[in-house]
Amino acid sequence: MKRLNRRTVLKGAGGILVALPLLPDEARADGGAVPKRFIGSYVPNGVFTPQWFPTAGANEQTFTLGAIHQPLAPYKDKCLFVQGIDMNVAIQGTGEMHQRGLGALLTGAKLNSGTFIGNDGSSAGWAKGKSIDQELVAMIGQTSVPSLQLGVNAQERDVSGVMSYGGDAQPLLPQNDPAVTFRNLFSGTTGGPMLDEVQKRRKSVLDAVLDQIAVVKRRMGTVDQARLDAHFTKVRELETRVTALPPGACPTPMAPGAIDPLQEAKMPEVAKLQLDLLLLAFQCDLTRVATIMWSDAKNHRGMSFLGINSSIHNITHYGDGDMGRLKLIDRDRWQMQQFAYILEGLKNITDPNGTTLLDNTLVFQGSDVSRGNVHSHDDMPHLLAGGAGGWQMGRFVRFGAQQHNNLLVSILRAFGGQHTTWGDPAFCTGALRGL
């Protein structure tokens, strides 16, 4: 049987490209090594700290999850909770606390001066450095889509709405619309009038390449045929759900499609679409690096689907004893449900060597502050999961006031980097010990 190249794509009318999934029996150009992957996730305005960290046990492995993290119970052995990580780089400098915290989350850098107005009226510019996700793009291996920047109601188009940076003052804004995400991944074009013309010339991405699919399948074994069928069934389902765009919608990235991506009540539906597309992009090896923002640092929106009808940002400002602040627990638990959905999806996808994507991906989640009511940057609510880092997971590790930038260095080194520092060197002493 003739082997297929892992980069094989099918090209149909209008230049539509559809990537084939990785196949278990294919010869890999990199000598057989399964690629590592990275996902960075941002949750705004801190967490309900009294219930965030697990209850420590006799050792790092014998910790107990609290109510917030119960959605992660099936994946407890794949998670790494860390305490005692301080984002000191964000304590002072240009901008307000939320701006500084989000800017430093993956860059470890301070902010430039600028005209973006923060919650307290102060102003700031973009972050001064590159984010680790973009550093990992070259380290993990180039793909047709270097990286994904996704959003779920991340509306701010300034420093309060960006976590990924290609370099100093080089923001990579998140895409909130699943329809645009889909077409960027699967249609071989990034939007605009050209894409409108392409849509007119084809019934669907898959219909444009059906003849080629049949030819390719004849060159495959039974197992690979079934894998390809399952892949295209998933693509068809996603296409049906997110590409029913009205004429003229394509030129504007934020234009609504079949679903309004910025409608508060639609957040769960948008979240599932964005995560499904992220997982499919990983499965197809279209990209190996992604970030997702769950709203933005201003976040003056509720979550009506959770019964939270007032601003989440304002709720985080209430004192820990205020009954109104307890609603943040519901928000935090919902975010853990989304985190668990990512882990479940990664676990259910098999890599060519028989391992799972969860074995070969590192998922990192953080926030811009730890406690919103005092805007603190100590004891940051960081969470890691997956096996790509090569660390022993299933632990609750408590550090003694370690720099946030040291964790960023540790992540880079876990992917094979030789980094000794990252971000502002005044707030970095090297990789963490004990991971």
Foldseek 3Di string as FASTA:
>chain_A
DDADALQDWFAFPLRWTAFFFDALPHQHPVRPDFFFFEEEEADAQAFLVVQQAWADDPFFQPTHHGPLQPLCVVVLQFKEFEWQAFAVQQPDDADDLQLQLLQCLFFSAGFAADACQDPVRGGTAHTAFAGLLLVVLVLRDDFLDSEAEAEQLAPDPGSQRFNGANTGRRTDGHQQALLQLLCVQGGNDNFDPSVLVSVVVDPDSCVRRVVVLVVVLVVDDPVSNVVRVVLVVLSVVLCVVGNQADPPQGRDRQRDGPDNSNDLQCRVVSLVSVLSSVLSCVRSVNYRGYYYYHYTHVQQAFNVVLVTGGGPLVLLQDDSPDPSVCVSSVVSSVVSNSVSVNLVSQCPRADSVGHTSLQRYKYKYWYSAHRNNVSGRTGTRIMIGGNNLVDRGSTYHYDNNAYSQLCSQSSCVSSPDPDQTGYDRVRGGGHDPDD
